Protein backbone atom coordinates (compact mmCIF):
# COMPACT_ATOMS: atom_id res chain seq x y z
CA MET A 1 8.58 -1.13 3.11
CA ASP A 2 9.65 -0.29 -0.44
CA LYS A 3 7.25 0.16 -2.96
CA ARG A 4 8.90 -1.90 -5.84
CA GLU A 5 8.98 -5.08 -3.61
CA ILE A 6 4.93 -4.56 -2.62
CA PHE A 7 4.17 -4.14 -6.28
CA ALA A 8 6.51 -7.22 -7.35
CA PHE A 9 5.36 -8.82 -4.97
CA LEU A 10 1.69 -8.98 -6.23
CA VAL A 11 2.81 -9.31 -9.86
CA ASP A 12 5.03 -12.27 -8.52
CA ARG A 13 1.86 -13.92 -7.35
CA LEU A 14 -0.59 -13.01 -10.00
CA ALA A 15 1.99 -15.12 -12.85
CA GLY A 16 1.82 -17.93 -10.29
CA GLY A 17 -2.01 -17.97 -10.03
CA ARG A 18 -2.72 -16.66 -6.77
CA ARG A 19 -5.25 -14.85 -5.99
CA VAL A 20 -4.00 -11.49 -4.29
CA ALA A 21 -5.28 -7.78 -2.52
CA LEU A 22 -3.82 -4.47 -2.74
CA VAL A 23 -4.66 -3.34 0.91
CA SER A 24 -3.33 0.42 1.26
CA LEU A 25 -3.86 2.71 4.21
CA VAL A 26 -6.47 5.52 2.68
CA ASP A 27 -7.03 7.85 6.08
CA ALA A 28 -5.63 8.15 9.23
CA PHE A 29 -7.10 9.49 12.81
CA GLY A 30 -5.38 10.67 15.70
CA SER A 31 -1.73 9.13 15.68
CA SER A 32 -0.13 6.42 13.33
CA MET A 33 2.75 4.74 12.03
CA ARG A 34 2.34 5.27 8.58
CA ASP A 35 0.79 7.84 6.47
CA PRO A 36 -2.01 7.51 4.04
CA GLY A 37 -0.59 6.18 0.66
CA ALA A 38 0.95 3.18 2.72
CA HIS A 39 0.15 -0.04 1.29
CA MET A 40 0.30 -3.83 2.32
CA ALA A 41 0.17 -6.58 -0.43
CA VAL A 42 -1.33 -10.38 1.04
CA ASP A 43 -1.39 -13.62 -0.93
CA GLU A 44 -4.41 -15.77 -0.70
CA ASP A 45 -2.63 -18.23 1.58
CA GLY A 46 -1.94 -15.49 4.33
CA ALA A 47 1.88 -14.34 2.70
CA PHE A 48 2.04 -10.79 2.89
CA VAL A 49 4.50 -8.13 2.25
CA GLY A 50 4.33 -4.27 3.72
CA SER A 51 3.25 -3.05 7.52
CA LEU A 52 0.17 -0.79 8.13
CA SER A 53 1.17 -0.41 11.76
CA GLY A 54 4.19 -1.39 12.84
CA GLY A 55 2.48 -5.10 13.74
CA CYS A 56 -0.23 -4.66 15.65
CA ILE A 57 -3.13 -4.95 12.96
CA GLU A 58 -1.81 -7.22 10.54
CA ARG A 59 -2.97 -10.68 11.60
CA ALA A 60 -6.55 -9.25 11.02
CA VAL A 61 -5.23 -6.93 7.80
CA ILE A 62 -4.67 -10.26 6.11
CA ALA A 63 -7.91 -12.30 7.94
CA GLU A 64 -9.92 -9.07 5.91
CA ALA A 65 -8.05 -9.41 3.12
CA GLY A 66 -8.55 -12.92 2.45
CA ASP A 67 -12.09 -11.59 2.71
CA ALA A 68 -12.20 -9.45 0.11
CA ILE A 69 -10.11 -11.78 -1.98
CA ALA A 70 -13.01 -14.51 -1.31
CA GLU A 71 -15.52 -12.03 -2.59
CA GLY A 72 -13.63 -10.95 -4.96
CA ALA A 73 -14.89 -7.04 -4.50
CA PRO A 74 -13.36 -4.22 -3.06
CA ARG A 75 -13.73 -2.51 0.89
CA VAL A 76 -12.63 -0.29 2.96
CA THR A 77 -12.20 -1.00 6.78
CA ARG A 78 -11.67 1.07 9.66
CA PHE A 79 -9.35 -0.22 12.39
CA GLY A 80 -8.59 1.57 15.77
CA GLN A 81 -11.03 4.13 17.16
CA GLY A 82 -14.39 3.67 15.71
CA SER A 83 -14.27 0.38 14.12
CA ARG A 84 -15.90 -2.32 14.57
CA TYR A 85 -13.37 -4.81 15.95
CA ILE A 86 -14.20 -3.60 19.26
CA ASP A 87 -11.11 -5.86 20.47
CA ILE A 88 -8.40 -4.80 18.61
CA ARG A 89 -6.33 -1.35 19.22
CA LEU A 90 -4.11 0.52 17.85
CA PRO A 91 -1.49 2.01 20.84
CA CYS A 92 -1.65 4.83 19.72
CA GLY A 93 -5.06 5.32 19.81
CA GLY A 94 -6.39 6.89 16.51
CA GLY A 95 -7.93 4.53 13.97
CA LEU A 96 -7.41 4.18 10.13
CA ASP A 97 -9.01 3.27 7.21
CA LEU A 98 -7.51 0.49 4.96
CA HIS A 99 -9.06 -0.16 1.36
CA PHE A 100 -8.84 -4.02 0.22
CA GLN A 101 -8.60 -4.14 -3.56
CA PRO A 102 -8.48 -7.70 -4.92
CA LEU A 103 -6.74 -8.19 -8.11
CA THR A 104 -6.88 -10.79 -10.55
CA GLU A 105 -4.21 -9.77 -13.00
CA ASP A 106 -1.89 -8.09 -12.99
CA ARG A 107 -2.04 -5.49 -15.21
CA LEU A 108 -2.23 -2.30 -12.30
CA PRO A 109 1.40 -3.81 -10.00
CA ARG A 110 2.72 -4.34 -13.67
CA GLN A 111 2.05 -0.65 -14.10
CA ALA A 112 3.24 0.47 -10.98
CA LEU A 113 6.16 -1.27 -10.66
CA ASP A 114 7.56 -0.21 -14.26
CA ALA A 115 6.62 3.38 -13.26
CA ILE A 116 8.48 2.95 -10.11
CA ASN A 117 11.15 1.08 -12.04
CA SER A 118 11.75 4.15 -14.22
CA ARG A 119 11.71 6.82 -11.58
CA GLN A 120 8.32 8.21 -13.02
CA PRO A 121 5.41 9.90 -10.93
CA PHE A 122 2.37 7.65 -10.90
CA ALA A 123 -0.88 7.33 -8.93
CA LEU A 124 -3.72 4.81 -8.51
CA GLU A 125 -6.89 5.57 -8.29
CA LEU A 126 -9.17 2.79 -5.81
CA ARG A 127 -13.02 2.36 -6.01
CA THR A 128 -14.97 0.99 -3.15
CA GLU A 129 -17.67 -0.53 -5.70
CA ALA A 130 -16.70 -3.27 -8.30
CA GLN A 131 -14.80 -1.13 -10.61
CA PRO A 132 -11.34 -2.18 -11.76
CA PRO A 133 -8.67 0.08 -9.52
CA SER A 134 -7.50 2.37 -12.40
CA PHE A 135 -3.13 3.87 -12.73
CA ILE A 136 -2.90 7.67 -13.37
CA PRO A 137 0.16 8.36 -15.26
CA ASN A 138 1.24 11.90 -13.71
CA TRP A 139 1.21 12.12 -9.91
CA HIS A 140 -2.01 13.33 -8.50
CA PRO A 141 -2.04 14.05 -4.14
CA THR A 142 -3.01 11.14 -2.02
CA GLY A 143 -6.70 11.76 -0.84
CA TRP A 144 -9.69 10.15 0.39
CA ASP A 145 -13.17 11.18 -0.50
CA ALA A 146 -15.35 8.68 1.49
CA ALA A 147 -18.82 10.25 0.01
CA ASN A 148 -17.61 8.52 -3.48
CA GLY A 149 -15.67 6.02 -1.85
CA ILE A 150 -12.61 6.81 -3.95
CA ALA A 151 -9.57 6.64 -3.31
CA THR A 152 -6.37 8.13 -4.94
CA ILE A 153 -2.94 7.39 -3.98
CA GLY A 154 -0.18 9.46 -4.91
CA HIS A 155 3.34 7.88 -5.39
CA TRP A 156 7.02 9.74 -5.98
CA PRO A 157 9.82 8.13 -6.76
CA ASN A 158 11.98 7.19 -3.97
CA PRO A 159 14.84 9.91 -3.74
CA ARG A 160 18.65 9.35 -5.00
CA VAL A 161 21.75 10.59 -3.54
CA LEU A 162 24.79 11.38 -6.04
CA ILE A 163 27.47 12.01 -4.29
CA VAL A 164 30.63 12.88 -6.21
CA GLY A 165 34.49 12.99 -4.78
CA HIS A 166 36.56 11.01 -2.98
CA GLY A 167 37.85 10.02 0.77
CA ALA A 168 37.07 8.91 3.57
CA VAL A 169 34.01 11.76 3.65
CA VAL A 170 32.11 10.16 0.82
CA ALA A 171 32.62 6.62 1.92
CA LYS A 172 30.91 7.98 5.18
CA LEU A 173 28.38 10.09 3.85
CA ALA A 174 27.86 6.78 1.15
CA GLU A 175 27.02 4.90 4.29
CA GLN A 176 24.48 7.36 5.70
CA ALA A 177 22.57 7.88 2.62
CA ARG A 178 22.15 4.47 2.33
């Protein structure tokens, strides 16, 4: 999933007066379909973009995001191994810690979208306390400080391939790059 789609979804929904949550994978135990730093965006009506597990927990994530949106407070919830959800298991047997950040204004997703569109590295700092998330205009490594409830999610620009030449080899290379 392209980061651009996730942040564009948040900007669009907030512009329409909707309440949303940015859901971020902050830690993974055992096998995981996605690495820490992956995002999902959820609207108060359950519409979403992105994936955090390949489909096995997304419905539960949407429900948890709805609760976080209704409360207006960030939280971290574990899914899979060690979770309070005893009926939700990840097929890989691992566990995921997800940060749920309700958003009421488009400042953060707009800053992220602008950085993505201008191909600039950036990071987000997310907290479990009722403090707004921060946009950091430079890259920082992705990490989760569970003791202090602070997640840092670093983003690099998407790779770009520039192909110079002509002929069938160039056309095939362009196809593979896409």
